[in-house]
């Protein structure tokens, strides 16, 4: 087991009722579950997202915490939140990282590997991402 490690699970969902395809507006929600699988209590401090649409346009989003919180997770604890994004195309991708600080002062990043946002064939379940 790694001393400093978070497991990230992502479940994206297309929100047809909030989208307007005729205006090139596609709205997606994504539910993130973060679990501390390390040996040391650690806090999620900030996030960086790269949101890419099918035309190659990339939006980089940086900010403190997630949904206004900076969860402190003991080993084995999880934190779940739902957020969203808008694209100008029916498909796209997201990836990024969380910056974390452990209770003992060690700083580490948790990568969020790329996942697909797809209005044409909505995701069919959670994906485990390390």
N, C-alpha and C. Protein backbone atom coordinates (compact mmCIF):
# COMPACT_ATOMS: atom_id res chain seq x y z
N UNK A 1 0.85 -1.18 0.00
CA UNK A 1 0.00 0.00 0.00
C UNK A 1 0.89 1.25 0.00
N UNK A 2 0.55 2.20 -0.83
CA UNK A 2 1.28 3.46 -0.88
C UNK A 2 0.97 4.29 0.36
N UNK A 3 1.96 5.04 0.80
CA UNK A 3 1.76 5.87 1.99
C UNK A 3 0.78 7.01 1.69
N UNK A 4 0.91 7.60 0.48
CA UNK A 4 0.06 8.72 0.08
C UNK A 4 -0.65 8.34 -1.21
N UNK A 5 -1.95 8.06 -1.14
CA UNK A 5 -2.66 7.66 -2.36
C UNK A 5 -4.17 7.87 -2.21
N UNK A 6 -4.75 8.49 -3.21
CA UNK A 6 -6.19 8.61 -3.32
C UNK A 6 -6.64 7.81 -4.54
N UNK A 7 -7.77 7.14 -4.44
CA UNK A 7 -8.41 6.46 -5.56
C UNK A 7 -9.55 7.36 -6.02
N UNK A 8 -9.64 7.56 -7.33
CA UNK A 8 -10.68 8.42 -7.89
C UNK A 8 -11.59 7.59 -8.79
N UNK A 9 -12.89 7.64 -8.54
CA UNK A 9 -13.89 6.99 -9.39
C UNK A 9 -14.77 8.08 -9.98
N UNK A 10 -15.09 7.94 -11.27
CA UNK A 10 -15.85 8.96 -11.99
C UNK A 10 -17.05 8.32 -12.67
N UNK A 11 -18.21 8.97 -12.53
CA UNK A 11 -19.39 8.55 -13.27
C UNK A 11 -19.96 9.77 -13.99
N UNK A 12 -19.70 9.90 -15.30
CA UNK A 12 -20.26 11.02 -16.07
C UNK A 12 -21.69 10.73 -16.50
N UNK A 13 -22.45 11.80 -16.72
CA UNK A 13 -23.85 11.65 -17.16
C UNK A 13 -24.22 12.85 -18.03
N UNK A 14 -24.85 12.58 -19.15
CA UNK A 14 -25.36 13.63 -20.04
C UNK A 14 -26.70 14.12 -19.49
N UNK A 15 -26.87 15.43 -19.42
CA UNK A 15 -28.10 16.03 -18.92
C UNK A 15 -28.90 16.61 -20.08
N UNK A 16 -29.67 15.76 -20.72
CA UNK A 16 -30.43 16.16 -21.92
C UNK A 16 -31.40 17.31 -21.62
N UNK A 17 -32.03 17.28 -20.44
CA UNK A 17 -33.03 18.29 -20.11
C UNK A 17 -32.44 19.69 -19.92
N UNK A 18 -31.11 19.78 -19.68
CA UNK A 18 -30.46 21.09 -19.53
C UNK A 18 -29.69 21.49 -20.79
N UNK A 19 -29.67 20.60 -21.77
CA UNK A 19 -28.91 20.85 -22.99
C UNK A 19 -29.80 21.45 -24.08
N UNK A 20 -29.14 22.08 -25.04
CA UNK A 20 -29.83 22.66 -26.20
C UNK A 20 -28.97 22.38 -27.44
N UNK A 21 -29.05 21.16 -27.96
CA UNK A 21 -28.19 20.79 -29.10
C UNK A 21 -28.30 21.75 -30.29
N UNK A 22 -29.49 22.29 -30.54
CA UNK A 22 -29.68 23.23 -31.66
C UNK A 22 -28.90 24.53 -31.43
N UNK A 23 -28.46 24.77 -30.19
CA UNK A 23 -27.64 25.95 -29.87
C UNK A 23 -26.20 25.54 -29.52
N UNK A 24 -25.83 24.31 -29.87
CA UNK A 24 -24.50 23.77 -29.57
C UNK A 24 -24.18 23.87 -28.07
N UNK A 25 -25.14 23.45 -27.25
CA UNK A 25 -24.95 23.43 -25.80
C UNK A 25 -25.26 22.03 -25.28
N UNK A 26 -24.25 21.38 -24.74
CA UNK A 26 -24.38 20.03 -24.19
C UNK A 26 -23.91 20.06 -22.75
N UNK A 27 -24.79 19.70 -21.83
CA UNK A 27 -24.49 19.80 -20.40
C UNK A 27 -24.28 18.40 -19.83
N UNK A 28 -23.22 18.29 -19.05
CA UNK A 28 -22.86 17.02 -18.43
C UNK A 28 -22.66 17.20 -16.93
N UNK A 29 -23.06 16.20 -16.18
CA UNK A 29 -22.72 16.12 -14.76
C UNK A 29 -21.71 14.99 -14.61
N UNK A 30 -20.90 15.10 -13.58
CA UNK A 30 -20.00 13.99 -13.26
C UNK A 30 -19.93 13.87 -11.75
N UNK A 31 -20.03 12.64 -11.30
CA UNK A 31 -19.94 12.35 -9.87
C UNK A 31 -18.57 11.74 -9.61
N UNK A 32 -17.86 12.35 -8.69
CA UNK A 32 -16.51 11.92 -8.34
C UNK A 32 -16.53 11.34 -6.94
N UNK A 33 -15.96 10.17 -6.78
CA UNK A 33 -15.75 9.60 -5.45
C UNK A 33 -14.25 9.49 -5.24
N UNK A 34 -13.77 10.13 -4.17
CA UNK A 34 -12.35 10.13 -3.83
C UNK A 34 -12.21 9.32 -2.54
N UNK A 35 -11.35 8.31 -2.58
CA UNK A 35 -11.12 7.47 -1.40
C UNK A 35 -9.64 7.50 -1.05
N UNK A 36 -9.35 7.73 0.21
CA UNK A 36 -7.96 7.70 0.68
C UNK A 36 -7.56 6.24 0.86
N UNK A 37 -6.76 5.73 -0.08
CA UNK A 37 -6.29 4.35 0.01
C UNK A 37 -4.85 4.31 0.53
N UNK A 38 -4.36 5.44 0.99
CA UNK A 38 -3.01 5.50 1.55
C UNK A 38 -3.01 5.19 3.04
N UNK A 39 -1.88 5.44 3.65
CA UNK A 39 -1.68 5.13 5.07
C UNK A 39 -1.77 6.36 5.96
N UNK A 40 -1.87 7.55 5.36
CA UNK A 40 -1.82 8.80 6.12
C UNK A 40 -3.04 9.66 5.79
N UNK A 41 -3.63 10.28 6.81
CA UNK A 41 -4.72 11.24 6.60
C UNK A 41 -4.22 12.36 5.70
N UNK A 42 -5.04 12.75 4.72
CA UNK A 42 -4.63 13.79 3.77
C UNK A 42 -5.83 14.64 3.38
N UNK A 43 -5.53 15.87 2.96
CA UNK A 43 -6.57 16.82 2.58
C UNK A 43 -6.42 17.21 1.12
N UNK A 44 -7.55 17.23 0.42
CA UNK A 44 -7.60 17.71 -0.96
C UNK A 44 -7.61 19.24 -0.88
N UNK A 45 -6.63 19.88 -1.48
CA UNK A 45 -6.49 21.33 -1.39
C UNK A 45 -7.04 22.04 -2.63
N UNK A 46 -6.67 21.54 -3.81
CA UNK A 46 -7.10 22.21 -5.04
C UNK A 46 -7.26 21.21 -6.17
N UNK A 47 -7.85 21.71 -7.28
CA UNK A 47 -8.10 20.88 -8.44
C UNK A 47 -7.66 21.62 -9.69
N UNK A 48 -7.30 20.84 -10.70
CA UNK A 48 -7.02 21.35 -12.04
C UNK A 48 -7.72 20.42 -13.02
N UNK A 49 -8.55 20.98 -13.88
CA UNK A 49 -9.27 20.20 -14.90
C UNK A 49 -8.89 20.71 -16.28
N UNK A 50 -8.80 19.80 -17.23
CA UNK A 50 -8.72 20.12 -18.64
C UNK A 50 -9.98 19.55 -19.28
N UNK A 51 -10.81 20.46 -19.81
CA UNK A 51 -12.08 20.07 -20.43
C UNK A 51 -11.91 20.27 -21.94
N UNK A 52 -12.06 19.19 -22.70
CA UNK A 52 -11.81 19.22 -24.14
C UNK A 52 -13.08 18.88 -24.91
N UNK A 53 -13.40 19.70 -25.92
CA UNK A 53 -14.54 19.33 -26.76
C UNK A 53 -14.03 18.68 -28.04
N UNK A 54 -14.94 18.24 -28.90
CA UNK A 54 -14.57 17.48 -30.09
C UNK A 54 -13.90 18.33 -31.16
N UNK A 55 -13.92 19.66 -31.03
CA UNK A 55 -13.26 20.52 -32.01
C UNK A 55 -11.80 20.78 -31.64
N UNK A 56 -11.38 20.28 -30.48
CA UNK A 56 -10.02 20.52 -30.04
C UNK A 56 -9.89 21.68 -29.07
N UNK A 57 -11.00 22.35 -28.79
CA UNK A 57 -10.99 23.45 -27.81
C UNK A 57 -10.78 22.88 -26.41
N UNK A 58 -9.84 23.44 -25.67
CA UNK A 58 -9.56 23.01 -24.29
C UNK A 58 -9.77 24.17 -23.34
N UNK A 59 -10.49 23.91 -22.28
CA UNK A 59 -10.66 24.89 -21.20
C UNK A 59 -9.98 24.33 -19.97
N UNK A 60 -9.09 25.12 -19.38
CA UNK A 60 -8.39 24.70 -18.16
C UNK A 60 -9.06 25.39 -16.98
N UNK A 61 -9.45 24.60 -15.99
CA UNK A 61 -10.15 25.12 -14.82
C UNK A 61 -9.33 24.78 -13.58
N UNK A 62 -8.96 25.81 -12.82
CA UNK A 62 -8.20 25.60 -11.60
C UNK A 62 -8.95 26.27 -10.45
N UNK A 63 -8.86 25.68 -9.27
CA UNK A 63 -9.51 26.31 -8.13
C UNK A 63 -9.24 25.56 -6.84
N UNK A 64 -9.56 26.22 -5.75
CA UNK A 64 -9.41 25.60 -4.44
C UNK A 64 -10.51 24.58 -4.21
N UNK A 65 -10.15 23.46 -3.65
CA UNK A 65 -11.12 22.44 -3.24
C UNK A 65 -11.98 21.93 -4.37
N UNK A 66 -13.07 21.29 -3.96
CA UNK A 66 -14.08 20.80 -4.90
C UNK A 66 -15.43 21.17 -4.32
N UNK A 67 -16.30 21.71 -5.13
CA UNK A 67 -17.63 22.18 -4.73
C UNK A 67 -17.57 22.96 -3.40
N UNK A 68 -16.57 23.84 -3.29
CA UNK A 68 -16.46 24.70 -2.11
C UNK A 68 -15.91 24.02 -0.86
N UNK A 69 -15.43 22.79 -0.99
CA UNK A 69 -14.92 22.07 0.17
C UNK A 69 -13.50 21.57 -0.08
N UNK A 70 -12.76 21.39 1.00
CA UNK A 70 -11.42 20.81 0.96
C UNK A 70 -11.42 19.62 1.92
N UNK A 71 -11.97 18.49 1.46
CA UNK A 71 -12.17 17.36 2.36
C UNK A 71 -10.87 16.80 2.94
N UNK A 72 -10.92 16.48 4.23
CA UNK A 72 -9.84 15.82 4.94
C UNK A 72 -10.24 14.36 5.08
N UNK A 73 -9.44 13.47 4.50
CA UNK A 73 -9.80 12.05 4.45
C UNK A 73 -8.81 11.20 5.23
N UNK A 74 -9.31 10.48 6.20
CA UNK A 74 -8.50 9.50 6.92
C UNK A 74 -8.36 8.28 6.02
N UNK A 75 -7.35 7.44 6.26
CA UNK A 75 -7.24 6.22 5.47
C UNK A 75 -8.56 5.44 5.47
N UNK A 76 -9.01 5.06 4.28
CA UNK A 76 -10.26 4.33 4.13
C UNK A 76 -11.49 5.20 3.95
N UNK A 77 -11.39 6.49 4.25
CA UNK A 77 -12.55 7.38 4.11
C UNK A 77 -12.72 7.83 2.67
N UNK A 78 -13.99 8.11 2.29
CA UNK A 78 -14.32 8.60 0.95
C UNK A 78 -15.07 9.91 1.03
N UNK A 79 -15.00 10.66 -0.07
CA UNK A 79 -15.77 11.89 -0.23
C UNK A 79 -16.34 11.85 -1.63
N UNK A 80 -17.64 12.13 -1.76
CA UNK A 80 -18.29 12.11 -3.07
C UNK A 80 -18.92 13.47 -3.34
N UNK A 81 -18.78 13.92 -4.58
CA UNK A 81 -19.43 15.17 -4.97
C UNK A 81 -19.84 15.08 -6.44
N UNK A 82 -20.79 15.93 -6.80
CA UNK A 82 -21.24 16.02 -8.18
C UNK A 82 -21.05 17.45 -8.66
N UNK A 83 -20.52 17.59 -9.83
CA UNK A 83 -20.34 18.89 -10.45
C UNK A 83 -20.72 18.75 -11.91
N UNK A 84 -20.45 19.76 -12.71
CA UNK A 84 -20.85 19.69 -14.11
C UNK A 84 -20.01 20.56 -15.00
N UNK A 85 -20.21 20.37 -16.29
CA UNK A 85 -19.52 21.17 -17.29
C UNK A 85 -20.41 21.26 -18.53
N UNK A 86 -20.10 22.23 -19.38
CA UNK A 86 -20.82 22.43 -20.63
C UNK A 86 -19.84 22.32 -21.78
N UNK A 87 -20.30 21.70 -22.85
CA UNK A 87 -19.49 21.60 -24.07
C UNK A 87 -20.28 22.19 -25.23
N UNK A 88 -19.54 22.56 -26.28
CA UNK A 88 -20.17 23.03 -27.52
C UNK A 88 -20.36 21.91 -28.52
N UNK A 89 -19.89 20.71 -28.16
CA UNK A 89 -20.02 19.54 -29.02
C UNK A 89 -20.65 18.40 -28.20
N UNK A 90 -21.24 17.40 -28.87
CA UNK A 90 -21.91 16.32 -28.12
C UNK A 90 -20.95 15.36 -27.44
N UNK A 91 -19.67 15.43 -27.78
CA UNK A 91 -18.69 14.58 -27.11
C UNK A 91 -17.48 15.40 -26.70
N UNK A 92 -16.77 14.88 -25.72
CA UNK A 92 -15.55 15.53 -25.25
C UNK A 92 -14.91 14.67 -24.18
N UNK A 93 -13.87 15.19 -23.60
CA UNK A 93 -13.16 14.48 -22.54
C UNK A 93 -12.79 15.44 -21.42
N UNK A 94 -12.50 14.86 -20.27
CA UNK A 94 -11.98 15.62 -19.14
C UNK A 94 -10.87 14.81 -18.49
N UNK A 95 -9.88 15.50 -17.97
CA UNK A 95 -8.86 14.89 -17.14
C UNK A 95 -8.25 15.99 -16.28
N UNK A 96 -7.51 15.59 -15.26
CA UNK A 96 -6.93 16.59 -14.41
C UNK A 96 -6.19 15.99 -13.24
N UNK A 97 -6.15 16.77 -12.15
CA UNK A 97 -5.46 16.30 -10.96
C UNK A 97 -5.98 17.04 -9.73
N UNK A 98 -5.79 16.39 -8.60
CA UNK A 98 -6.06 17.00 -7.30
C UNK A 98 -4.72 17.19 -6.60
N UNK A 99 -4.51 18.37 -6.02
CA UNK A 99 -3.32 18.63 -5.20
C UNK A 99 -3.71 18.38 -3.76
N UNK A 100 -2.93 17.56 -3.07
CA UNK A 100 -3.26 17.12 -1.72
C UNK A 100 -2.08 17.35 -0.78
N UNK A 101 -2.40 17.51 0.50
CA UNK A 101 -1.37 17.62 1.53
C UNK A 101 -1.71 16.63 2.64
N UNK A 102 -0.74 15.79 2.96
CA UNK A 102 -0.93 14.79 4.01
C UNK A 102 -0.74 15.44 5.38
N UNK A 103 -1.27 14.77 6.39
CA UNK A 103 -1.20 15.23 7.77
C UNK A 103 0.24 15.47 8.23
N UNK A 104 1.18 14.72 7.68
CA UNK A 104 2.59 14.88 8.07
C UNK A 104 3.31 15.94 7.24
N UNK A 105 2.55 16.68 6.40
CA UNK A 105 3.13 17.77 5.62
C UNK A 105 3.55 17.40 4.21
N UNK A 106 3.55 16.12 3.88
CA UNK A 106 3.93 15.68 2.53
C UNK A 106 2.88 16.14 1.51
N UNK A 107 3.36 16.70 0.39
CA UNK A 107 2.47 17.15 -0.69
C UNK A 107 2.49 16.12 -1.81
N UNK A 108 1.32 15.86 -2.40
CA UNK A 108 1.25 14.92 -3.51
C UNK A 108 0.10 15.28 -4.43
N UNK A 109 0.21 14.84 -5.67
CA UNK A 109 -0.84 15.03 -6.66
C UNK A 109 -1.52 13.70 -6.93
N UNK A 110 -2.82 13.75 -7.14
CA UNK A 110 -3.58 12.58 -7.55
C UNK A 110 -4.08 12.84 -8.96
N UNK A 111 -3.62 12.05 -9.92
CA UNK A 111 -4.05 12.21 -11.30
C UNK A 111 -5.48 11.71 -11.48
N UNK A 112 -6.21 12.41 -12.32
CA UNK A 112 -7.54 11.98 -12.73
C UNK A 112 -7.41 11.68 -14.23
N UNK A 113 -7.21 10.41 -14.59
CA UNK A 113 -7.06 10.07 -16.00
C UNK A 113 -8.30 10.47 -16.81
N UNK A 114 -8.09 10.61 -18.08
CA UNK A 114 -9.13 11.08 -18.98
C UNK A 114 -10.38 10.19 -18.95
N UNK A 115 -11.55 10.85 -18.94
CA UNK A 115 -12.81 10.13 -19.11
C UNK A 115 -13.63 10.85 -20.15
N UNK A 116 -14.58 10.11 -20.73
CA UNK A 116 -15.33 10.59 -21.88
C UNK A 116 -16.69 11.16 -21.46
N UNK A 117 -17.04 12.29 -22.07
CA UNK A 117 -18.38 12.88 -21.96
C UNK A 117 -19.02 12.65 -23.32
N UNK A 118 -20.14 11.95 -23.33
CA UNK A 118 -20.72 11.56 -24.61
C UNK A 118 -22.25 11.63 -24.55
N UNK A 119 -22.81 12.61 -25.25
CA UNK A 119 -24.26 12.78 -25.29
C UNK A 119 -24.92 11.72 -26.17
N UNK A 120 -24.14 11.09 -27.04
CA UNK A 120 -24.70 10.14 -27.99
C UNK A 120 -24.85 8.74 -27.41
N UNK A 121 -23.98 8.37 -26.49
CA UNK A 121 -24.09 7.07 -25.81
C UNK A 121 -23.66 7.27 -24.37
N UNK A 122 -24.61 7.67 -23.55
CA UNK A 122 -24.36 8.01 -22.15
C UNK A 122 -23.58 6.91 -21.44
N UNK A 123 -22.72 7.30 -20.52
CA UNK A 123 -21.90 6.33 -19.76
C UNK A 123 -22.80 5.32 -19.06
N UNK A 124 -22.33 4.10 -19.00
CA UNK A 124 -23.16 3.03 -18.44
C UNK A 124 -22.70 2.56 -17.07
N UNK A 125 -21.84 3.32 -16.40
CA UNK A 125 -21.46 2.93 -15.06
C UNK A 125 -20.17 3.59 -14.63
N UNK A 126 -19.81 3.43 -13.38
CA UNK A 126 -18.60 4.08 -12.87
C UNK A 126 -17.34 3.47 -13.46
N UNK A 127 -16.34 4.30 -13.53
CA UNK A 127 -15.03 3.86 -13.99
C UNK A 127 -14.06 4.10 -12.85
N UNK A 128 -13.24 3.14 -12.54
CA UNK A 128 -12.23 3.30 -11.52
C UNK A 128 -10.97 3.82 -12.16
N UNK A 129 -10.50 4.94 -11.67
CA UNK A 129 -9.33 5.59 -12.25
C UNK A 129 -8.27 5.75 -11.17
N UNK A 130 -7.04 5.36 -11.47
CA UNK A 130 -5.95 5.52 -10.51
C UNK A 130 -5.06 6.66 -10.95
